[in-house]
Amino acid sequence: MGFREDEDLFPKGDDDKIAFSDVDYLEAWKGMEEAYNLGLAKNIGISNFNHEQIERIFANSTVKPTVLQVYSSFQYYCFLVTMYR
């Protein structure tokens, strides 16, 4: 999730609630693929994606995620799960 592109760090809407971005995460992934293809990144990955989001990335990308980072608030740590291509 991203915030609405604005000058404020945490932009708010007219209802005084946080305003989230309407940019699709797939669009951001395409930008990361471009960085990877240009050699600006050795690997690219995702963080805290659910099953449907991961499947959507797989179905609409040429570069598959190398890593899925998952945050577990119950255990208070982060761990990495290697994704298979």
C-alpha atoms as a PDB file:
ATOM      1  CA  MET A   1       0.000   0.000   0.000  1.00  0.00           C
ATOM      2  CA  GLY A   2       1.178   3.409  -0.808  1.00  0.00           C
ATOM      3  CA  PHE A   3      -0.002   6.867   0.096  1.00  0.00           C
ATOM      4  CA  ARG A   4      -1.496   9.285  -2.405  1.00  0.00           C
ATOM      5  CA  GLU A   5       1.227  11.201  -4.207  1.00  0.00           C
ATOM      6  CA  ASP A   6       1.269  14.516  -2.409  1.00  0.00           C
ATOM      7  CA  GLU A   7       3.628  16.942  -0.745  1.00  0.00           C
ATOM      8  CA  ASP A   8       2.601  15.694   2.686  1.00  0.00           C
ATOM      9  CA  LEU A   9       4.297  12.632   4.129  1.00  0.00           C
ATOM     10  CA  PHE A  10       0.927  11.253   5.284  1.00  0.00           C
ATOM     11  CA  PRO A  11      -1.701  12.877   3.039  1.00  0.00           C
ATOM     12  CA  LYS A  12      -5.292  13.018   4.211  1.00  0.00           C
ATOM     13  CA  GLY A  13      -8.526  13.201   2.248  1.00  0.00           C
ATOM     14  CA  ASP A  14     -11.515  15.459   2.801  1.00  0.00           C
ATOM     15  CA  ASP A  15     -12.778  13.049   5.472  1.00  0.00           C
ATOM     16  CA  ASP A  16      -9.493  13.530   7.423  1.00  0.00           C
ATOM     17  CA  LYS A  17      -8.518   9.874   6.851  1.00  0.00           C
ATOM     18  CA  ILE A  18      -5.216   8.756   5.345  1.00  0.00           C
ATOM     19  CA  ALA A  19      -5.401   9.002   1.548  1.00  0.00           C
ATOM     20  CA  PHE A  20      -4.009   5.901  -0.132  1.00  0.00           C
ATOM     21  CA  SER A  21      -2.563   5.843  -3.627  1.00  0.00           C
ATOM     22  CA  ASP A  22      -4.634   4.618  -6.532  1.00  0.00           C
ATOM     23  CA  VAL A  23      -1.512   3.394  -8.372  1.00  0.00           C
ATOM     24  CA  ASP A  24      -1.711  -0.336  -9.071  1.00  0.00           C
ATOM     25  CA  TYR A  25       1.117  -2.362  -7.506  1.00  0.00           C
ATOM     26  CA  LEU A  26       1.568  -4.099 -10.866  1.00  0.00           C
ATOM     27  CA  GLU A  27       2.617  -0.753 -12.338  1.00  0.00           C
ATOM     28  CA  ALA A  28       5.261  -0.421  -9.625  1.00  0.00           C
ATOM     29  CA  TRP A  29       6.413  -3.989 -10.343  1.00  0.00           C
ATOM     30  CA  LYS A  30       6.873  -3.124 -14.039  1.00  0.00           C
ATOM     31  CA  GLY A  31       9.180  -0.286 -12.938  1.00  0.00           C
ATOM     32  CA  MET A  32      11.177  -2.707 -10.803  1.00  0.00           C
ATOM     33  CA  GLU A  33      11.447  -5.091 -13.767  1.00  0.00           C
ATOM     34  CA  GLU A  34      12.842  -2.251 -15.840  1.00  0.00           C
ATOM     35  CA  ALA A  35      15.477  -1.524 -13.177  1.00  0.00           C
ATOM     36  CA  TYR A  36      16.355  -5.238 -13.111  1.00  0.00           C
ATOM     37  CA  ASN A  37      16.607  -5.442 -16.917  1.00  0.00           C
ATOM     38  CA  LEU A  38      18.880  -2.382 -16.971  1.00  0.00           C
ATOM     39  CA  GLY A  39      21.195  -4.074 -14.467  1.00  0.00           C
ATOM     40  CA  LEU A  40      20.364  -1.592 -11.689  1.00  0.00           C
ATOM     41  CA  ALA A  41      19.167  -4.393  -9.395  1.00  0.00           C
ATOM     42  CA  LYS A  42      20.524  -7.921  -8.992  1.00  0.00           C
ATOM     43  CA  ASN A  43      17.182  -9.245  -7.767  1.00  0.00           C
ATOM     44  CA  ILE A  44      13.735  -7.873  -7.040  1.00  0.00           C
ATOM     45  CA  GLY A  45      11.199  -9.107  -4.537  1.00  0.00           C
ATOM     46  CA  ILE A  46       7.949  -8.415  -2.770  1.00  0.00           C
ATOM     47  CA  SER A  47       6.918  -7.854   0.822  1.00  0.00           C
ATOM     48  CA  ASN A  48       3.772  -8.898   2.683  1.00  0.00           C
ATOM     49  CA  PHE A  49       1.875  -9.941  -0.467  1.00  0.00           C
ATOM     50  CA  ASN A  50      -1.004 -12.367  -0.185  1.00  0.00           C
ATOM     51  CA  HIS A  51      -1.569 -15.382  -2.449  1.00  0.00           C
ATOM     52  CA  GLU A  52      -3.764 -13.527  -4.947  1.00  0.00           C
ATOM     53  CA  GLN A  53      -1.289 -10.664  -5.282  1.00  0.00           C
ATOM     54  CA  ILE A  54       1.597 -13.080  -5.843  1.00  0.00           C
ATOM     55  CA  GLU A  55      -0.350 -14.987  -8.498  1.00  0.00           C
ATOM     56  CA  ARG A  56      -1.162 -11.696 -10.243  1.00  0.00           C
ATOM     57  CA  ILE A  57       2.526 -10.729 -10.280  1.00  0.00           C
ATOM     58  CA  PHE A  58       3.444 -14.160 -11.715  1.00  0.00           C
ATOM     59  CA  ALA A  59       0.776 -13.932 -14.413  1.00  0.00           C
ATOM     60  CA  ASN A  60       1.712 -10.403 -15.533  1.00  0.00           C
ATOM     61  CA  SER A  61       5.482 -10.233 -15.310  1.00  0.00           C
ATOM     62  CA  THR A  62       8.593 -11.326 -17.138  1.00  0.00           C
ATOM     63  CA  VAL A  63      10.828 -11.208 -14.047  1.00  0.00           C
ATOM     64  CA  LYS A  64       9.537 -13.313 -11.172  1.00  0.00           C
ATOM     65  CA  PRO A  65      10.071 -12.208  -7.546  1.00  0.00           C
ATOM     66  CA  THR A  66      13.232 -13.655  -6.054  1.00  0.00           C
ATOM     67  CA  VAL A  67      12.217 -13.064  -2.435  1.00  0.00           C
ATOM     68  CA  LEU A  68       9.025 -12.713  -0.423  1.00  0.00           C
ATOM     69  CA  GLN A  69       9.634 -10.825   2.811  1.00  0.00           C
ATOM     70  CA  VAL A  70       6.995 -11.482   5.438  1.00  0.00           C
ATOM     71  CA  TYR A  71       6.607  -9.592   8.689  1.00  0.00           C
ATOM     72  CA  SER A  72       5.221 -11.524  11.595  1.00  0.00           C
ATOM     73  CA  SER A  73       3.981  -9.213  14.347  1.00  0.00           C
ATOM     74  CA  PHE A  74       3.352 -12.204  16.596  1.00  0.00           C
ATOM     75  CA  GLN A  75       7.010 -13.228  16.567  1.00  0.00           C
ATOM     76  CA  TYR A  76       8.422  -9.678  16.260  1.00  0.00           C
ATOM     77  CA  TYR A  77      10.815 -10.520  13.482  1.00  0.00           C
ATOM     78  CA  CYS A  78      11.082 -10.590   9.726  1.00  0.00           C
ATOM     79  CA  PHE A  79      12.139 -13.575   7.703  1.00  0.00           C
ATOM     80  CA  LEU A  80      12.792 -14.212   4.054  1.00  0.00           C
ATOM     81  CA  VAL A  81      11.308 -16.976   1.995  1.00  0.00           C
ATOM     82  CA  THR A  82      13.079 -17.771  -1.264  1.00  0.00           C
ATOM     83  CA  MET A  83      10.675 -18.008  -4.143  1.00  0.00           C
ATOM     84  CA  TYR A  84      11.228 -20.591  -6.857  1.00  0.00           C
ATOM     85  CA  ARG A  85      11.177 -19.464 -10.465  1.00  0.00           C
END
